[in-house]
Amino acid sequence: MRQYFTGFFTALCLATSLYFFISSDSSSSEEVNLPIIIEDDKGKVVINSESIRFYNKEKEEILFVGSTVREAGSIQIKNNKGYKVVNLGAWYGDGFNGNGSIIVNNAYGNYGWSVIGKVSEVHYQ
């Protein structure tokens, strides 16, 4: 009788373990990705799953390397006042679908000059 109970209990444990193993979905478990923060007297660097951001000692963001809303890569350089002076990335709009672009602004972030990787003939008409 004792062997029957041991066998039944073992089978019950194996069946329960098998049920939990099959019903678990590893993709549904949410992983916690905390940002990596490196800070010293010259500024701060924040690294997360989408970007790397550099800050000066006045806590102004001066460099962004990461992905945009459209999941394209982007590099944005800002001056010490926090104005975006250079933007390298993919251009969407005006008939361009992800071509490379460089935008250079003045010291106050106002448009200065730009070029898009592939320009159509219609662009200059």
C-alpha atoms as a PDB file:
ATOM      1  CA  MET A   1       0.000   0.000   0.000  1.00  0.00           C
ATOM      2  CA  ARG A   2       2.845   2.338   0.802  1.00  0.00           C
ATOM      3  CA  GLN A   3       4.376   1.797  -2.655  1.00  0.00           C
ATOM      4  CA  TYR A   4       1.060   2.701  -4.305  1.00  0.00           C
ATOM      5  CA  PHE A   5       0.906   5.946  -2.312  1.00  0.00           C
ATOM      6  CA  THR A   6       4.527   6.802  -3.193  1.00  0.00           C
ATOM      7  CA  GLY A   7       3.887   6.103  -6.880  1.00  0.00           C
ATOM      8  CA  PHE A   8       0.667   8.136  -6.881  1.00  0.00           C
ATOM      9  CA  PHE A   9       2.360  11.071  -5.102  1.00  0.00           C
ATOM     10  CA  THR A  10       5.324  10.952  -7.520  1.00  0.00           C
ATOM     11  CA  ALA A  11       2.993  10.904 -10.541  1.00  0.00           C
ATOM     12  CA  LEU A  12       1.005  13.811  -9.113  1.00  0.00           C
ATOM     13  CA  CYS A  13       4.187  15.864  -8.601  1.00  0.00           C
ATOM     14  CA  LEU A  14       5.427  15.080 -12.127  1.00  0.00           C
ATOM     15  CA  ALA A  15       2.053  15.934 -13.672  1.00  0.00           C
ATOM     16  CA  THR A  16       1.881  19.225 -11.768  1.00  0.00           C
ATOM     17  CA  SER A  17       5.435  20.105 -12.763  1.00  0.00           C
ATOM     18  CA  LEU A  18       4.703  19.256 -16.396  1.00  0.00           C
ATOM     19  CA  TYR A  19       1.562  21.418 -16.320  1.00  0.00           C
ATOM     20  CA  PHE A  20       3.458  24.412 -14.914  1.00  0.00           C
ATOM     21  CA  PHE A  21       6.288  23.906 -17.419  1.00  0.00           C
ATOM     22  CA  ILE A  22       3.974  23.746 -20.453  1.00  0.00           C
ATOM     23  CA  SER A  23       1.683  26.565 -19.338  1.00  0.00           C
ATOM     24  CA  SER A  24       4.523  28.965 -18.581  1.00  0.00           C
ATOM     25  CA  ASP A  25       5.213  31.454 -21.362  1.00  0.00           C
ATOM     26  CA  SER A  26       8.639  33.009 -21.059  1.00  0.00           C
ATOM     27  CA  SER A  27       7.757  35.780 -23.544  1.00  0.00           C
ATOM     28  CA  SER A  28       4.947  37.046 -21.329  1.00  0.00           C
ATOM     29  CA  SER A  29       7.192  37.535 -18.330  1.00  0.00           C
ATOM     30  CA  GLU A  30       8.274  41.149 -18.171  1.00  0.00           C
ATOM     31  CA  GLU A  31      11.966  41.723 -17.727  1.00  0.00           C
ATOM     32  CA  VAL A  32      13.048  44.748 -15.780  1.00  0.00           C
ATOM     33  CA  ASN A  33      15.729  46.679 -17.644  1.00  0.00           C
ATOM     34  CA  LEU A  34      17.061  49.415 -15.444  1.00  0.00           C
ATOM     35  CA  PRO A  35      19.183  52.124 -17.049  1.00  0.00           C
ATOM     36  CA  ILE A  36      22.917  52.223 -16.452  1.00  0.00           C
ATOM     37  CA  ILE A  37      23.945  55.611 -15.059  1.00  0.00           C
ATOM     38  CA  ILE A  38      27.571  56.739 -14.990  1.00  0.00           C
ATOM     39  CA  GLU A  39      28.148  60.051 -13.240  1.00  0.00           C
ATOM     40  CA  ASP A  40      31.194  62.097 -12.303  1.00  0.00           C
ATOM     41  CA  ASP A  41      32.150  65.762 -11.885  1.00  0.00           C
ATOM     42  CA  LYS A  42      32.149  66.351 -15.690  1.00  0.00           C
ATOM     43  CA  GLY A  43      28.633  65.077 -16.333  1.00  0.00           C
ATOM     44  CA  LYS A  44      26.487  61.996 -16.642  1.00  0.00           C
ATOM     45  CA  VAL A  45      25.880  59.166 -19.136  1.00  0.00           C
ATOM     46  CA  VAL A  46      22.577  57.257 -19.149  1.00  0.00           C
ATOM     47  CA  ILE A  47      22.381  53.986 -21.083  1.00  0.00           C
ATOM     48  CA  ASN A  48      19.072  52.200 -21.575  1.00  0.00           C
ATOM     49  CA  SER A  49      17.627  49.781 -24.131  1.00  0.00           C
ATOM     50  CA  GLU A  50      16.820  52.513 -26.679  1.00  0.00           C
ATOM     51  CA  SER A  51      19.512  55.173 -26.312  1.00  0.00           C
ATOM     52  CA  ILE A  52      22.702  56.522 -24.840  1.00  0.00           C
ATOM     53  CA  ARG A  53      22.426  60.073 -23.517  1.00  0.00           C
ATOM     54  CA  PHE A  54      25.268  62.328 -22.422  1.00  0.00           C
ATOM     55  CA  TYR A  55      24.746  65.249 -20.026  1.00  0.00           C
ATOM     56  CA  ASN A  56      27.152  68.026 -19.082  1.00  0.00           C
ATOM     57  CA  LYS A  57      27.792  69.132 -15.505  1.00  0.00           C
ATOM     58  CA  GLU A  58      24.870  71.612 -15.738  1.00  0.00           C
ATOM     59  CA  LYS A  59      22.596  68.588 -16.393  1.00  0.00           C
ATOM     60  CA  GLU A  60      21.845  69.681 -19.982  1.00  0.00           C
ATOM     61  CA  GLU A  61      21.653  66.879 -22.534  1.00  0.00           C
ATOM     62  CA  ILE A  62      24.469  67.374 -25.057  1.00  0.00           C
ATOM     63  CA  LEU A  63      24.463  64.122 -27.072  1.00  0.00           C
ATOM     64  CA  PHE A  64      21.820  61.547 -27.959  1.00  0.00           C
ATOM     65  CA  VAL A  65      22.596  58.282 -29.757  1.00  0.00           C
ATOM     66  CA  GLY A  66      19.624  55.991 -30.187  1.00  0.00           C
ATOM     67  CA  SER A  67      16.440  55.155 -31.993  1.00  0.00           C
ATOM     68  CA  THR A  68      13.671  57.505 -33.089  1.00  0.00           C
ATOM     69  CA  VAL A  69       9.896  57.131 -33.010  1.00  0.00           C
ATOM     70  CA  ARG A  70      10.061  55.333 -36.375  1.00  0.00           C
ATOM     71  CA  GLU A  71      12.718  52.959 -34.981  1.00  0.00           C
ATOM     72  CA  ALA A  72      15.483  54.458 -37.112  1.00  0.00           C
ATOM     73  CA  GLY A  73      18.903  55.388 -35.760  1.00  0.00           C
ATOM     74  CA  SER A  74      19.677  58.971 -34.804  1.00  0.00           C
ATOM     75  CA  ILE A  75      22.564  61.046 -33.494  1.00  0.00           C
ATOM     76  CA  GLN A  76      21.698  64.471 -32.085  1.00  0.00           C
ATOM     77  CA  ILE A  77      24.353  66.883 -30.868  1.00  0.00           C
ATOM     78  CA  LYS A  78      23.360  69.835 -28.690  1.00  0.00           C
ATOM     79  CA  ASN A  79      25.391  72.822 -27.581  1.00  0.00           C
ATOM     80  CA  ASN A  80      25.919  73.907 -23.973  1.00  0.00           C
ATOM     81  CA  LYS A  81      22.631  75.868 -24.063  1.00  0.00           C
ATOM     82  CA  GLY A  82      20.635  72.728 -24.904  1.00  0.00           C
ATOM     83  CA  TYR A  83      19.861  73.663 -28.532  1.00  0.00           C
ATOM     84  CA  LYS A  84      20.096  70.914 -31.145  1.00  0.00           C
ATOM     85  CA  VAL A  85      22.874  71.960 -33.559  1.00  0.00           C
ATOM     86  CA  VAL A  86      23.465  68.716 -35.527  1.00  0.00           C
ATOM     87  CA  ASN A  87      21.126  65.857 -36.367  1.00  0.00           C
ATOM     88  CA  LEU A  88      22.205  62.741 -38.285  1.00  0.00           C
ATOM     89  CA  GLY A  89      19.625  60.115 -39.055  1.00  0.00           C
ATOM     90  CA  ALA A  90      16.906  58.931 -41.402  1.00  0.00           C
ATOM     91  CA  TRP A  91      14.577  61.419 -43.091  1.00  0.00           C
ATOM     92  CA  TYR A  92      10.873  60.632 -43.479  1.00  0.00           C
ATOM     93  CA  GLY A  93       8.505  62.937 -45.328  1.00  0.00           C
ATOM     94  CA  ASP A  94       8.534  64.955 -48.569  1.00  0.00           C
ATOM     95  CA  GLY A  95       8.575  61.691 -50.523  1.00  0.00           C
ATOM     96  CA  PHE A  96      11.692  60.383 -48.763  1.00  0.00           C
ATOM     97  CA  ASN A  97      11.308  57.114 -46.968  1.00  0.00           C
ATOM     98  CA  GLY A  98      14.249  56.561 -44.656  1.00  0.00           C
ATOM     99  CA  ASN A  99      17.061  58.158 -46.654  1.00  0.00           C
ATOM    100  CA  GLY A 100      20.030  59.432 -44.659  1.00  0.00           C
ATOM    101  CA  SER A 101      20.052  63.084 -43.663  1.00  0.00           C
ATOM    102  CA  ILE A 102      22.318  65.616 -42.017  1.00  0.00           C
ATOM    103  CA  ILE A 103      20.829  68.785 -40.527  1.00  0.00           C
ATOM    104  CA  VAL A 104      23.025  71.570 -39.168  1.00  0.00           C
ATOM    105  CA  ASN A 105      21.435  74.384 -37.143  1.00  0.00           C
ATOM    106  CA  ASN A 106      22.762  77.648 -35.718  1.00  0.00           C
ATOM    107  CA  ALA A 107      23.621  78.230 -32.046  1.00  0.00           C
ATOM    108  CA  TYR A 108      19.933  78.761 -31.182  1.00  0.00           C
ATOM    109  CA  GLY A 109      18.654  75.598 -32.855  1.00  0.00           C
ATOM    110  CA  ASN A 110      17.248  77.410 -35.905  1.00  0.00           C
ATOM    111  CA  TYR A 111      17.578  75.717 -39.284  1.00  0.00           C
ATOM    112  CA  GLY A 112      20.848  76.357 -41.069  1.00  0.00           C
ATOM    113  CA  TRP A 113      21.695  73.704 -43.663  1.00  0.00           C
ATOM    114  CA  SER A 114      20.672  70.143 -44.567  1.00  0.00           C
ATOM    115  CA  VAL A 115      21.248  67.417 -47.107  1.00  0.00           C
ATOM    116  CA  ILE A 116      19.274  64.235 -47.770  1.00  0.00           C
ATOM    117  CA  GLY A 117      20.959  61.112 -49.073  1.00  0.00           C
ATOM    118  CA  LYS A 118      18.933  60.645 -52.243  1.00  0.00           C
ATOM    119  CA  VAL A 119      17.245  63.679 -53.714  1.00  0.00           C
ATOM    120  CA  SER A 120      14.561  63.345 -56.370  1.00  0.00           C
ATOM    121  CA  GLU A 121      14.290  65.738 -59.320  1.00  0.00           C
ATOM    122  CA  VAL A 122      10.993  67.033 -57.972  1.00  0.00           C
ATOM    123  CA  HIS A 123      12.675  68.214 -54.783  1.00  0.00           C
ATOM    124  CA  TYR A 124      14.320  71.257 -56.406  1.00  0.00           C
ATOM    125  CA  GLN A 125      11.359  72.377 -58.549  1.00  0.00           C
END
